[in-house]
Structures are given as C-alpha cells and as structure tokens.
Protein backbone atom coordinates (compact mmCIF):
# COMPACT_ATOMS: atom_id res chain seq x y z
CA MET A 1 0.02 0.06 0.19
CA SER A 2 1.30 3.42 -0.97
CA ASP A 3 -1.09 5.60 -0.14
CA THR A 4 -0.17 8.51 2.29
CA LEU A 5 -1.44 7.85 5.64
CA VAL A 6 0.62 10.64 7.87
CA LYS A 7 1.58 13.94 6.60
CA VAL A 8 3.60 16.43 8.52
CA ARG A 9 4.03 19.97 7.44
CA ASP A 10 6.59 23.07 9.07
CA LEU A 11 5.73 21.52 12.35
CA LYS A 12 6.84 23.77 14.84
CA ILE A 13 6.46 22.81 18.75
CA GLY A 14 7.52 24.95 21.69
CA ALA A 15 7.44 24.57 25.48
CA THR A 16 7.86 27.74 28.26
CA VAL A 17 10.75 27.24 30.37
CA TYR A 18 11.30 28.65 33.62
CA PRO A 19 15.08 28.94 34.99
CA PRO A 20 15.55 29.72 38.76
CA GLY A 21 15.87 33.49 39.32
CA GLU A 22 14.72 34.34 36.11
CA LYS A 23 11.33 35.10 34.03
CA PRO A 24 9.50 31.99 32.56
CA HIS A 25 10.10 32.47 28.86
CA ASP A 26 8.77 30.96 25.62
CA ILE A 27 11.37 28.67 23.59
CA GLU A 28 10.96 26.46 20.60
CA ILE A 29 12.08 23.11 20.75
CA VAL A 30 11.17 21.55 16.92
CA HIS A 31 11.47 23.90 14.28
CA GLY A 32 9.44 23.41 10.96
CA VAL A 33 9.77 19.56 10.90
CA SER A 34 8.26 17.52 7.70
CA PHE A 35 7.64 14.20 6.20
CA ASP A 36 5.17 11.71 4.67
CA LEU A 37 4.44 8.04 5.92
CA ALA A 38 2.60 5.44 3.70
CA ALA A 39 0.62 2.96 5.22
CA GLY A 40 2.77 -0.43 5.99
CA LYS A 41 5.78 1.86 5.75
CA VAL A 42 7.67 2.78 9.06
CA LEU A 43 10.07 5.90 9.19
CA GLY A 44 12.77 5.83 11.59
CA LEU A 45 13.42 9.15 14.20
CA ILE A 46 17.14 9.12 15.45
CA GLY A 47 19.32 11.41 16.97
CA GLU A 48 20.71 12.54 20.45
CA SER A 49 18.82 13.10 23.54
CA GLY A 50 17.01 16.04 23.41
CA ALA A 51 16.90 15.85 19.40
CA GLY A 52 12.77 16.20 19.35
CA LYS A 53 12.00 12.44 18.38
CA SER A 54 9.49 11.62 20.86
CA THR A 55 8.00 15.36 21.02
CA ILE A 56 7.83 14.58 17.38
CA GLY A 57 5.72 11.46 17.33
CA LEU A 58 3.50 12.66 20.16
CA ALA A 59 2.30 14.95 17.86
CA ALA A 60 1.11 12.73 15.83
CA MET A 61 -1.13 11.42 18.30
CA ALA A 62 -1.93 15.72 18.61
CA TYR A 63 -0.26 15.83 21.92
CA GLY A 64 2.13 17.42 24.00
CA ARG A 65 3.52 16.42 27.46
CA GLY A 66 5.21 17.79 29.97
CA GLY A 67 3.78 21.66 28.96
CA VAL A 68 5.17 21.26 25.69
CA ARG A 69 2.79 23.04 23.16
CA ILE A 70 1.78 22.40 19.04
CA THR A 71 2.56 26.20 18.15
CA GLY A 72 2.67 25.53 14.06
CA GLY A 73 2.53 23.45 11.25
CA GLU A 74 -0.21 20.74 10.15
CA VAL A 75 -0.06 16.72 11.47
CA TRP A 76 -2.40 15.26 8.84
CA VAL A 77 -3.46 11.43 9.98
CA ASN A 78 -6.41 9.58 7.53
CA GLY A 79 -6.89 12.81 5.31
CA ARG A 80 -7.36 15.46 8.55
CA ASP A 81 -5.44 18.14 10.16
CA ILE A 82 -5.67 16.25 13.93
CA LEU A 83 -4.68 19.58 15.16
CA LYS A 84 -7.71 21.55 13.60
CA SER A 85 -9.90 18.21 15.77
CA GLY A 86 -12.36 18.41 18.25
CA LEU A 87 -11.17 16.84 21.67
CA GLY A 88 -13.77 13.82 20.71
CA ASP A 89 -12.02 13.18 17.50
CA VAL A 90 -9.03 13.17 19.54
CA ARG A 91 -10.07 10.79 21.64
CA LYS A 92 -11.06 8.36 19.19
CA LEU A 93 -8.04 8.72 17.44
CA ARG A 94 -6.05 8.36 20.46
CA GLY A 95 -5.90 4.34 21.38
CA GLY A 96 -8.09 3.95 18.00
CA GLU A 97 -5.97 5.12 14.88
CA VAL A 98 -2.81 6.01 16.38
CA THR A 99 -1.42 3.97 19.39
CA TYR A 100 1.95 4.09 21.35
CA VAL A 101 4.40 2.35 22.59
CA SER A 102 6.80 3.82 25.46
CA GLN A 103 10.34 3.15 26.73
CA SER A 104 9.38 2.34 30.17
CA ALA A 105 6.60 -0.62 30.35
CA ALA A 106 7.31 -0.47 33.75
CA ALA A 107 6.52 2.85 34.35
CA SER A 108 3.10 2.72 31.94
CA PHE A 109 1.59 -0.38 33.28
CA ASN A 110 -1.08 -0.32 36.64
CA PRO A 111 0.44 -2.20 39.38
CA ALA A 112 -2.77 -2.88 40.47
CA LYS A 113 -4.52 -4.66 37.32
CA LYS A 114 -3.70 -7.38 35.75
CA ILE A 115 -1.96 -7.42 32.39
CA MET A 116 -4.82 -8.48 30.33
CA GLU A 117 -7.40 -5.81 31.15
CA GLN A 118 -4.78 -3.56 30.26
CA VAL A 119 -3.57 -4.84 26.85
CA THR A 120 -7.44 -4.80 25.64
CA GLU A 121 -8.45 -1.85 27.53
CA ALA A 122 -8.31 0.51 24.52
CA ALA A 123 -9.03 -2.32 21.61
CA ILE A 124 -12.58 -2.64 24.15
CA VAL A 125 -13.43 1.14 24.66
CA GLN A 126 -12.77 2.09 21.35
CA GLY A 127 -15.19 -0.68 20.41
CA LYS A 128 -12.86 -2.59 17.63
CA PHE A 129 -13.60 -5.62 19.81
CA GLY A 130 -16.00 -7.12 22.66
CA ARG A 131 -13.85 -8.55 25.12
CA LYS A 132 -13.68 -12.06 24.67
CA GLU A 133 -12.22 -11.41 20.77
CA ALA A 134 -10.04 -8.58 22.52
CA GLU A 135 -8.61 -11.37 25.15
CA ASP A 136 -8.34 -13.56 21.99
CA ARG A 137 -6.26 -11.20 19.92
CA ALA A 138 -4.09 -10.35 22.83
CA ARG A 139 -3.21 -13.96 23.27
CA GLU A 140 -2.46 -14.34 19.37
CA LEU A 141 -0.18 -11.28 19.94
CA PHE A 142 1.20 -12.73 22.86
CA ALA A 143 2.43 -15.83 21.36
CA LYS A 144 3.19 -13.54 18.06
CA LEU A 145 6.06 -11.87 20.60
CA GLY A 146 7.51 -14.73 22.06
CA LEU A 147 5.91 -14.54 25.34
CA PRO A 148 6.29 -17.49 27.33
CA ASP A 149 2.87 -19.13 28.43
CA PRO A 150 0.94 -16.73 26.31
CA ASP A 151 -2.18 -18.21 26.79
CA ASN A 152 -1.86 -17.53 31.06
CA ILE A 153 0.68 -14.74 30.92
CA GLY A 154 -2.37 -12.11 30.62
CA GLU A 155 -3.43 -13.21 34.45
CA ARG A 156 -0.19 -11.87 36.06
CA TYR A 157 0.31 -8.32 37.22
CA PRO A 158 3.23 -6.34 35.64
CA HIS A 159 5.58 -7.18 38.36
CA GLN A 160 5.03 -10.73 37.88
CA VAL A 161 6.64 -10.73 34.36
CA SER A 162 10.53 -9.51 33.77
CA GLY A 163 11.08 -5.95 32.25
CA GLY A 164 11.29 -7.43 29.05
CA GLN A 165 8.23 -9.16 28.93
CA LEU A 166 6.33 -6.20 30.15
CA GLN A 167 8.09 -4.30 27.19
CA ARG A 168 6.44 -7.01 24.70
CA CYS A 169 3.13 -6.87 26.71
CA MET A 170 3.01 -3.00 25.90
CA THR A 171 3.66 -3.83 22.19
CA ALA A 172 0.52 -6.24 22.69
CA LEU A 173 -0.99 -3.44 23.85
CA ALA A 174 -0.58 -1.52 21.20
CA LEU A 175 -1.21 -3.78 18.28
CA CYS A 176 -4.03 -4.89 19.96
CA PRO A 177 -6.89 -2.47 18.69
CA GLU A 178 -5.45 -3.07 15.22
CA PRO A 179 -4.41 0.53 14.39
CA ASP A 180 -3.45 2.59 11.49
CA LEU A 181 -0.19 4.16 13.31
CA VAL A 182 2.07 3.08 15.74
CA VAL A 183 4.33 5.36 17.50
CA PHE A 184 7.46 2.77 18.67
CA ASP A 185 8.91 5.21 21.35
CA GLU A 186 12.60 3.38 22.08
CA PRO A 187 10.45 0.02 22.12
CA THR A 188 13.84 -2.19 22.92
CA THR A 189 16.31 -0.19 24.58
CA ALA A 190 15.41 -2.01 27.96
CA LEU A 191 15.56 -5.21 26.16
CA ASP A 192 18.75 -7.60 25.69
CA VAL A 193 19.40 -8.20 22.84
CA THR A 194 18.54 -11.75 21.98
CA THR A 195 14.58 -10.48 23.01
CA GLN A 196 15.33 -7.29 20.87
CA ILE A 197 15.68 -9.29 17.60
CA ASP A 198 11.99 -11.48 18.39
CA VAL A 199 10.47 -8.15 19.02
CA LEU A 200 12.13 -6.43 15.54
CA LYS A 201 11.21 -9.43 14.10
CA ALA A 202 7.29 -9.69 15.48
CA ILE A 203 7.10 -5.65 14.75
CA LYS A 204 8.14 -6.13 11.24
CA GLU A 205 5.57 -9.27 10.83
CA ALA A 206 2.68 -7.32 12.49
CA ILE A 207 3.37 -4.23 9.97
CA LYS A 208 3.79 -6.64 7.26
CA ASP A 209 0.81 -8.55 8.04
CA THR A 210 -1.66 -5.61 9.08
CA GLY A 211 -0.40 -2.54 6.66
CA VAL A 212 -0.16 -0.73 9.92
CA ALA A 213 2.54 2.18 9.77
CA ALA A 214 4.78 2.99 12.81
CA LEU A 215 7.03 6.30 13.39
CA TYR A 216 10.25 4.35 15.33
CA ILE A 217 11.80 6.61 17.59
CA THR A 218 15.26 5.04 18.96
CA HIS A 219 18.85 6.29 19.28
CA ASP A 220 19.88 2.90 18.12
CA LEU A 221 21.00 3.40 14.09
CA ALA A 222 21.93 -0.56 13.72
CA VAL A 223 18.20 -1.01 15.44
CA VAL A 224 16.08 1.57 13.35
CA ALA A 225 18.18 -0.06 10.35
CA GLN A 226 16.41 -3.61 10.36
CA VAL A 227 12.80 -2.15 10.50
CA SER A 228 12.59 1.08 8.62
CA ASP A 229 12.04 2.09 4.92
CA ASP A 230 13.56 5.40 5.69
CA ILE A 231 15.24 7.10 7.86
CA MET A 232 14.90 11.25 9.67
CA VAL A 233 17.89 12.40 11.52
CA LEU A 234 17.41 14.99 13.98
CA ARG A 235 19.38 17.55 15.98
CA MET A 236 18.07 20.21 18.16
CA GLY A 237 14.55 19.85 16.80
CA ASP A 238 15.82 20.33 13.19
CA THR A 239 16.12 18.11 10.22
CA VAL A 240 19.87 16.93 9.79
CA GLU A 241 19.12 13.90 7.35
CA TYR A 242 16.05 12.22 5.60
CA GLY A 243 16.36 9.41 2.78
CA SER A 244 16.27 6.10 2.95
CA VAL A 245 17.90 3.52 5.11
CA ASP A 246 20.27 2.29 2.68
CA GLN A 247 21.53 6.32 1.93
CA ILE A 248 21.37 7.21 5.39
CA ILE A 249 23.44 3.65 6.42
CA ASN A 250 25.63 3.81 3.36
CA ASN A 251 26.02 6.90 1.95
CA PRO A 252 25.58 9.67 4.84
CA GLN A 253 25.57 13.66 3.69
CA GLU A 254 26.23 15.22 6.63
CA ASP A 255 28.73 15.02 9.38
CA TYR A 256 26.55 14.54 12.33
CA THR A 257 25.03 11.04 10.36
CA LYS A 258 28.25 10.12 9.53
CA ALA A 259 29.55 10.48 13.23
CA LEU A 260 26.43 8.25 14.14
CA VAL A 261 27.10 5.99 11.38
CA SER A 262 30.66 5.03 12.87
CA VAL A 263 29.49 5.77 16.50
CA ARG A 264 31.45 3.40 19.31
CA SER A 265 35.02 3.53 18.05
CA ILE A 266 36.14 3.21 21.73
CA GLU A 267 39.26 0.60 21.65
CA HIS A 268 40.26 -0.59 25.69
CA GLU A 269 43.78 -3.08 25.88
CA GLU A 270 42.45 -6.20 28.53
CA LYS A 271 44.51 -5.65 31.51
CA ALA A 272 45.95 -8.34 33.32
CA PRO A 273 45.56 -8.65 37.35
CA THR A 274 48.10 -7.17 39.31
CA ALA A 275 47.02 -7.17 42.83
CA GLU A 276 44.18 -9.05 45.20
CA PRO A 277 41.10 -8.68 44.02
CA VAL A 278 39.20 -5.69 45.22
CA LEU A 279 35.67 -8.02 45.57
CA SER A 280 35.61 -11.57 45.50
CA VAL A 281 32.04 -13.23 45.18
CA LYS A 282 32.35 -16.86 46.31
CA ASN A 283 29.97 -19.30 45.84
CA ILE A 284 26.60 -17.02 45.80
CA THR A 285 23.27 -18.91 46.10
CA ALA A 286 20.09 -16.66 46.78
CA ARG A 287 16.79 -15.82 46.64
CA TYR A 288 13.45 -13.26 47.23
CA LYS A 289 12.50 -13.45 50.54
CA GLY A 290 9.05 -15.10 50.56
CA THR A 291 9.91 -17.18 47.38
CA LYS A 292 11.24 -20.98 47.18
CA PHE A 293 13.56 -21.06 44.00
CA ASP A 294 17.25 -19.57 44.32
CA VAL A 295 17.43 -16.68 41.50
CA LEU A 296 21.57 -17.23 41.85
CA HIS A 297 23.40 -20.80 41.89
CA ASP A 298 26.73 -20.71 42.53
CA VAL A 299 28.05 -17.55 41.58
CA SER A 300 32.21 -16.86 41.82
CA VAL A 301 33.71 -13.59 40.01
CA ASP A 302 36.09 -11.51 41.28
CA LEU A 303 37.29 -8.11 40.60
CA TYR A 304 40.58 -5.96 40.50
CA PRO A 305 41.74 -3.10 41.32
CA GLY A 306 41.71 -0.29 38.44
CA GLN A 307 39.87 -2.58 35.89
CA THR A 308 36.12 -3.67 34.91
CA LEU A 309 34.26 -6.82 34.81
CA ALA A 310 31.54 -6.95 32.82
CA VAL A 311 28.63 -8.89 33.66
CA VAL A 312 26.31 -9.65 30.71
CA GLY A 313 23.27 -12.08 29.75
CA GLU A 314 19.59 -11.41 28.73
CA SER A 315 16.74 -9.77 30.86
CA GLY A 316 16.47 -12.20 33.81
CA SER A 317 19.74 -14.11 34.04
CA GLY A 318 20.29 -12.70 37.44
CA LYS A 319 22.41 -9.74 36.65
CA SER A 320 21.02 -7.05 39.14
CA THR A 321 19.77 -9.36 41.46
CA LEU A 322 23.77 -10.16 41.95
CA ALA A 323 24.41 -6.79 42.50
CA ARG A 324 21.76 -6.40 45.08
CA VAL A 325 23.60 -9.11 46.72
CA ILE A 326 26.95 -7.26 46.70
CA THR A 327 25.24 -4.19 47.90
CA GLY A 328 23.85 -6.14 50.91
CA LEU A 329 19.95 -5.41 49.74
CA LEU A 330 19.68 -8.90 48.99
CA PRO A 331 21.54 -11.52 51.69
CA PRO A 332 22.40 -14.84 50.08
CA ARG A 333 21.78 -18.16 51.35
CA GLU A 334 25.29 -19.21 50.52
CA GLY A 335 28.63 -18.07 50.01
CA GLU A 336 30.58 -15.07 51.06
CA ILE A 337 31.60 -11.73 49.58
CA SER A 338 35.21 -10.34 50.68
CA PHE A 339 35.67 -6.76 49.71
CA ALA A 340 38.70 -4.52 49.83
CA GLY A 341 40.59 -7.49 52.26
CA ARG A 342 36.95 -8.05 54.51
CA LYS A 343 34.57 -10.10 55.17
CA LEU A 344 31.61 -8.26 53.94
CA SER A 345 28.54 -8.26 56.19
CA PRO A 346 25.60 -10.12 53.80
CA ASP A 347 22.79 -7.47 55.08
CA LEU A 348 23.33 -3.65 54.57
CA ASP A 349 22.23 -2.90 58.29
CA GLY A 350 25.59 -4.97 59.08
CA ARG A 351 28.26 -3.14 56.78
CA SER A 352 30.18 0.11 58.02
CA LEU A 353 30.46 3.74 56.93
CA GLU A 354 33.68 2.88 55.36
CA ASP A 355 32.14 -0.40 53.66
CA LEU A 356 29.16 2.14 52.11
CA ARG A 357 31.87 5.03 51.15
CA GLU A 358 34.11 2.66 49.24
CA LEU A 359 31.31 0.46 47.17
CA GLN A 360 29.08 2.97 45.22
CA MET A 361 26.43 2.82 42.63
CA ILE A 362 25.97 4.67 39.54
CA TYR A 363 21.85 3.63 38.26
CA GLN A 364 20.40 3.19 34.66
CA MET A 365 17.51 6.15 35.27
CA ALA A 366 19.57 9.36 36.13
CA ASP A 367 16.37 10.98 36.21
CA VAL A 368 15.12 9.33 39.12
CA ALA A 369 18.36 8.82 40.92
CA MET A 370 18.47 12.80 41.71
CA ASN A 371 16.27 14.73 43.66
CA PRO A 372 14.99 17.72 41.35
CA ARG A 373 14.34 19.97 43.73
CA GLN A 374 18.28 20.00 44.42
CA THR A 375 21.20 21.61 42.44
CA VAL A 376 24.07 20.00 40.74
CA GLY A 377 26.41 21.43 43.95
CA THR A 378 24.18 20.08 45.85
CA ILE A 379 23.71 16.60 44.52
CA ILE A 380 27.62 15.98 43.99
CA GLY A 381 28.43 17.92 47.57
CA ARG A 382 26.30 15.74 49.94
CA PRO A 383 28.83 12.10 49.89
CA LEU A 384 31.48 15.00 50.65
CA GLU A 385 29.67 15.82 54.15
CA PHE A 386 28.25 12.73 54.39
CA TYR A 387 31.50 10.65 54.47
CA PHE A 388 34.07 13.60 54.76
CA GLY A 389 32.42 16.13 56.80
CA MET A 390 33.34 18.41 54.53
CA ARG A 391 31.72 22.27 54.73
CA GLY A 392 32.07 25.60 53.35
CA ALA A 393 35.30 26.97 50.84
CA GLU A 394 36.30 23.20 51.50
CA LYS A 395 33.42 21.52 49.90
CA ARG A 396 33.06 24.16 47.29
CA LYS A 397 36.47 23.30 45.84
CA ARG A 398 35.97 19.82 45.35
CA ILE A 399 32.88 20.19 44.18
CA LEU A 400 34.23 22.02 41.16
CA GLU A 401 37.19 19.86 41.08
CA LEU A 402 34.39 16.93 40.64
CA LEU A 403 32.42 19.08 37.71
CA GLU A 404 36.21 19.50 35.91
CA GLU A 405 36.85 15.46 36.31
CA ILE A 406 33.21 14.97 34.63
CA GLU A 407 34.00 17.70 31.68
CA LEU A 408 31.09 20.09 33.25
CA GLY A 409 32.02 23.78 34.08
CA PRO A 410 31.17 25.83 37.29
CA GLU A 411 28.54 27.38 35.48
CA PHE A 412 26.51 23.33 36.32
CA LEU A 413 26.86 24.24 39.76
CA ASP A 414 23.55 26.30 40.59
CA ARG A 415 21.93 24.09 38.05
CA TYR A 416 18.97 21.38 38.46
CA PRO A 417 18.20 18.34 37.01
CA ALA A 418 15.52 19.18 34.52
CA GLU A 419 18.22 21.69 33.07
CA LEU A 420 20.42 19.18 32.13
CA SER A 421 20.84 16.77 28.91
CA GLY A 422 20.52 12.90 29.56
CA GLY A 423 24.49 12.95 29.38
CA GLN A 424 25.03 15.80 31.66
CA LYS A 425 22.71 13.96 33.94
CA GLN A 426 24.62 11.08 34.15
CA ARG A 427 27.68 12.85 34.34
CA VAL A 428 26.51 14.34 37.58
CA CYS A 429 25.98 10.92 39.14
CA ILE A 430 29.06 9.55 38.06
CA ALA A 431 30.73 12.55 40.29
CA ARG A 432 28.19 12.21 43.40
CA SER A 433 29.92 8.20 43.24
CA LEU A 434 33.03 9.86 42.71
CA ALA A 435 32.71 12.01 45.30
CA ALA A 436 32.80 9.17 48.32
CA LYS A 437 36.71 8.60 47.20
CA PRO A 438 34.80 4.75 46.36
CA LYS A 439 37.06 1.20 45.31
CA LEU A 440 34.58 -0.10 43.67
CA ILE A 441 31.29 1.69 41.43
CA ILE A 442 28.89 -0.74 40.28
CA CYS A 443 27.21 0.95 36.97
CA ASP A 444 24.01 -0.67 36.17
CA GLU A 445 23.30 -0.13 32.72
CA VAL A 446 24.06 3.03 32.59
CA THR A 447 24.50 4.00 28.80
CA SER A 448 21.16 1.99 27.80
CA ALA A 449 19.11 5.12 27.97
CA LEU A 450 21.77 7.19 25.82
CA ASP A 451 21.88 8.15 22.27
CA PRO A 452 25.38 6.42 21.09
CA LEU A 453 27.00 9.91 20.98
CA VAL A 454 26.63 10.75 24.63
CA ALA A 455 26.87 7.28 25.09
CA ASP A 456 30.53 7.02 23.27
CA GLY A 457 31.55 9.98 25.50
CA ILE A 458 30.16 8.70 28.98
CA LEU A 459 32.13 5.43 28.74
CA LYS A 460 35.39 7.41 27.44
CA LEU A 461 34.45 9.62 30.73
CA LEU A 462 34.69 6.37 32.65
CA LEU A 463 37.55 4.71 31.45
CA ASP A 464 39.77 8.53 31.89
CA LEU A 465 38.57 8.25 35.08
CA GLN A 466 39.23 4.78 36.07
CA LYS A 467 43.06 5.38 35.33
CA ILE A 468 42.95 8.56 37.32
CA GLU A 469 40.98 7.25 40.63
CA ASP A 470 42.39 2.91 40.09
CA VAL A 471 38.75 2.72 41.04
CA ALA A 472 37.22 -0.89 39.57
CA TYR A 473 34.03 -0.94 37.96
CA LEU A 474 31.54 -4.16 37.70
CA PHE A 475 29.68 -2.95 34.53
CA ILE A 476 25.69 -4.34 34.08
CA THR A 477 24.79 -4.34 30.68
CA HIS A 478 23.27 -6.36 27.79
CA ASP A 479 24.94 -4.05 25.57
CA LEU A 480 27.48 -6.10 24.48
CA ALA A 481 29.44 -3.53 21.85
CA THR A 482 29.86 -1.71 25.48
CA VAL A 483 31.14 -4.74 27.10
CA LYS A 484 33.88 -4.98 24.09
CA ALA A 485 34.23 -1.22 24.24
CA ILE A 486 35.29 -1.52 28.17
CA SER A 487 35.97 -4.42 29.90
CA ASP A 488 38.66 -6.64 30.91
CA ASN A 489 37.41 -9.46 32.12
CA ILE A 490 33.38 -10.76 31.12
CA ALA A 491 31.26 -13.02 33.54
CA VAL A 492 28.38 -13.93 30.70
CA MET A 493 25.20 -14.81 32.68
CA TYR A 494 22.23 -17.32 32.06
CA GLN A 495 19.34 -18.28 34.64
CA GLY A 496 21.12 -17.26 37.50
CA LYS A 497 24.81 -19.10 36.70
CA VAL A 498 27.66 -17.98 35.55
CA GLN A 499 27.80 -19.79 32.14
CA ARG A 500 31.31 -18.47 30.63
CA TYR A 501 33.94 -16.38 32.73
CA GLY A 502 37.23 -14.76 32.34
CA GLY A 503 39.25 -12.31 30.26
CA LYS A 504 37.62 -10.35 27.47
CA THR A 505 39.85 -12.21 24.91
CA GLU A 506 39.14 -15.40 26.23
CA VAL A 507 35.39 -15.07 26.42
CA LEU A 508 35.16 -13.56 22.87
CA THR A 509 36.89 -15.95 21.58
CA PRO A 510 35.50 -19.20 20.06
CA PRO A 511 34.85 -21.70 20.76
CA PHE A 512 31.87 -20.99 22.48
CA ASP A 513 28.99 -22.52 24.76
CA ASP A 514 25.20 -22.42 22.95
CA TYR A 515 24.49 -19.50 24.79
CA THR A 516 26.97 -17.25 24.60
CA ASP A 517 27.04 -17.57 20.60
CA LEU A 518 23.57 -16.93 20.80
CA LEU A 519 24.20 -13.72 22.50
CA LEU A 520 27.25 -12.55 20.41
CA SER A 521 25.58 -13.08 17.24
CA SER A 522 22.18 -11.18 18.28
CA VAL A 523 24.16 -7.84 18.52
CA PRO A 524 22.95 -5.65 15.82
CA GLU A 525 24.89 -4.32 12.99
CA MET A 526 24.94 -1.41 10.84
CA LYS A 527 23.90 -3.04 7.63
CA LEU A 528 20.60 -3.76 5.52
CA GLY A 529 19.28 -7.26 6.00
CA TRP A 530 21.11 -8.31 8.92
CA LEU A 531 17.80 -9.31 11.01
CA GLU A 532 16.66 -11.40 8.32
CA GLU A 533 19.68 -13.00 8.37
CA VAL A 534 19.64 -13.89 11.75
CA ILE A 535 16.40 -15.35 11.78
CA ALA A 536 17.45 -17.32 8.89
CA HIS A 537 20.15 -18.65 10.80
CA ARG A 538 18.11 -19.57 13.50
CA LYS A 539 15.41 -21.11 11.77
CA MET A 540 18.69 -23.75 10.04
CA GLU A 541 20.19 -24.35 13.27
CA SER A 542 17.40 -25.35 14.64
CA ALA A 543 16.00 -27.29 11.74
CA GLY A 544 19.76 -29.33 12.04
CA ASN A 545 18.65 -30.01 15.70
C-alpha cells in the first residue's frame, strides 16, 4: 500500500521554561519538521537526547507532554488535520487510529491491574472488539511476540513478569486495537539483544500483516536500520538528513549522520590482574524473600583494582540480582563476599560506614536517581558532607574539582536536573559516586538510556576516570558493544548461573557455548538485511537440531 497515511508539514513545537532566578520564557524545540508516511511503511526517527524525536512522535497523536505545545504546522492522519480536530475526535484517534509504545513499560502499566485487562482496554473502549475477541487477539499477540505461556501470562500483574516481557506486553497493547499508526518510542532499549531480535521480528511481521504504519523512535541506528524504510536524522529540533535506509547507512551526507554511523570507536586493551581482588564473590546462592526458588546459583567472580568486570546476559539472567547481593540489599542463602581485604556483612544494616563509602553505584535512569529539587552542587556535595564532614569553601572547591573531572564547568553548580541533558545528568551521577572516593563502582546499565554519541562520551569518561582514580567497575549491561569497548573480564550469566567467565579475549574467542554464541550473534550490525540473516540462521540451526 502506498497511500499517504500521515503527512506532517512545517511542524513547530514550543515550551515554556522556568530558569531559577529568571522570568519564564517560551522557547521553540522543534523547528519546522516535515515528512510523509505511507500505510505499511516505517519511518525511523533518530538523534541524540533532546533532538525532538519523542516530541514529534507524540505530535502524531496531537499530544504534547510536560507543558509542550504544538505551535505551528499541520499533522494530517487519514486525510484530516488532527491539530484542528475537536476533543471528541482526538479521543477516538488515540488508542484507536494511533497507538503508542513507550520506552518504560514499568512506568506505564498500572501495578494494580492484570496485564490482560490493560492490553485489551483500548480495543474494547474504542469499540474495535468485544471483550472475548480482544482477549483472543491479545493471546495471539503474546504468542507472536514470544512471551512465555501466552494463554495465561495476561492473568499476571506487571510486577510478576520481567522488564523485557513487560515491554513486549506493551507492544501487544499497542497492536491489539488494530491501529493505522503505531508510535514506537525506544521499544527495545530496555531489552537484551536476544529478546530484541524477537521483538523486532514481531514488529516487522505485524506491520507486514496488518498494513499498519509506524514511527520508530530510537537512538540505535543499527536497530532502526532493520525495521525502517526511511530514516530522519534529527538534532536539536531540526532535520539533519532524511532519506532511505540504504542512503543513510551506506552514503550519509552530513557530518552528524556520519558520526552516528561510525559510533563506538572506543578501543580498550584488556589488563591482566596485578593485585589481590578488590571484590571476591564466592559460591553465592540467593533467592528473594517469600519465594521457594533460587535466582542465583553458586555464582563466583573476582574483580581487581583499576579493572572492569562486565556482567552480561539477557533479561532475568540474574545480573541486577547479583548487584543487590553485593550491595547488601539481598542477603544470600549461601556463599560469602570479600571486599577490600575484609569479609562483607551479607546484610546492608551490618556494614560499616567505610563499606558504604568504598562501594558506590551509578544507576540506569539518572532522571530518577537525583532529587529534582536539589542543585547539582547539592547533589555532588552530599557525599562530601556525609563521609568526610566537608563544609563551606573546602566542599565547594572539591565540588568544582569533580565537575572538572566529569567535563562540566562551574556554571553547572547551581543548575537543577531538569536543566540538564541526559548525558549531563549521568555525568553528575558519576561525580556523586566519585565524591565518596570509592574503590568499586557498580554501573547498572548506565548508558542504555543514552544515544550512541552521548553514551560513547560517558564510556570514555569512565575509562579516563578509572586511570585517574584507580577505581574498579562492575559493569552490568546487555549491550555487548559496550562490553567489548570497556571490559577487562567478562561474566556471561544465564538463568542465575555464570555460563562463561574469564578475560575479555578468552570469553569473546570461539569455541563458544550455545548461549554465548546466541548472545554474540544477536548484537545488531549496521547493515541492511542483518535481522533477516539472523532469523534465517536460527531457523536453520533449529531445523538441524
């Protein structure tokens, strides 16, 4: 089908900002963007944090979030300008003609309602299906999206499935009403690479089967190249480049696009251990309170001063659970942990102030890791007060030193988190951890929510700081490109067990066990048809078995 479904002309979007100590004023954040989208086609919107990707995607639903306003232009869907539609027409549009898949399913689902009720709600309310028909369609979508026990998973509550599974449930929610357009807003960012392939495959098949059009918003050019027909590269609210996937990937014209295509240029040489481990995890077995089954099984790893241990694996493999055990939030059933030459109390309450200071964390979502009512100076200064008793000029001097280390100037001292970009927020979180002078920092998916260029900057910063501070990193991630870029040692986890463990060169050199082979072959490559090649290869292997 080639009929134009969505037509956007000279779209302008603005917002009001409230700088501390200044009068509120209006700014324009999207500057005259235009594009067409035909039924059955996919347009990828790609660019760095703050480029306007999600803002443009939501405009296709006549929606502006967080005080954002559509200030000019036209958005045509199914032959009518939805910006001129009445409230009743817009309500029929949202959840009927146009649906939305957000980046964070965990924040989007109601924890008090079962998954099935939420997945079918829009289809029923919009009058597309009766309850039984909607539930049957939901089960079909659960199966297509590779969810376990598709006939019954809808009876679970959101907290009873993994993050990756919940993200696929949200994709089912968007497809259930049989919309004309789906806005996919970073739908695979939180997924491990093996699950990502299944979701991308399901999205492509759903678009092909239903003729639905899609806007696919992401910061991963390798991913968007597998599902899109055309790509629009955005930066700071402007269109940088717009063309076919082939042209953007193989013949980019603009410098910014060329940088996106060639991203992840970090080369980190593996270091050999030179001292006793700063962290030694021995034979850890653990389960969550009130459950009958272990989620970690006899896990043992070592981490040396000034080195990086990458812990990788799919969603639910036990990566973050291991971090919870190390930090004392989940006491193990068996095993012990030694840190900086001393045995750690299994429970957080039993740990000394020195234990807490020397073992810090940087979290995945910088947005929710900082108090929005505190300035950057207050956020970074808190550990200096708490651990070292610093006050006044001494504290201010150290804060400015830390800002310099994370490559932010003194002008950031009095800014609030809302005034920072995603990369700047994560840099502030890094500075807060460094303020405690730790020996070990646990980095939990610290670059997964960032666009590639910003993520590269964060990784380079972490490597530079490691050389300066001699700090060790336990790097939890499902991004194998990141693992290759920064790690000295790698632990591959699967179903709560360490499947493969050793130096980076050893772990990434064949022969591989079946799971590691699957994991490595699932890393998206920047070439057309890669997804189809991987799917075909898996079918051949499955047939051979």
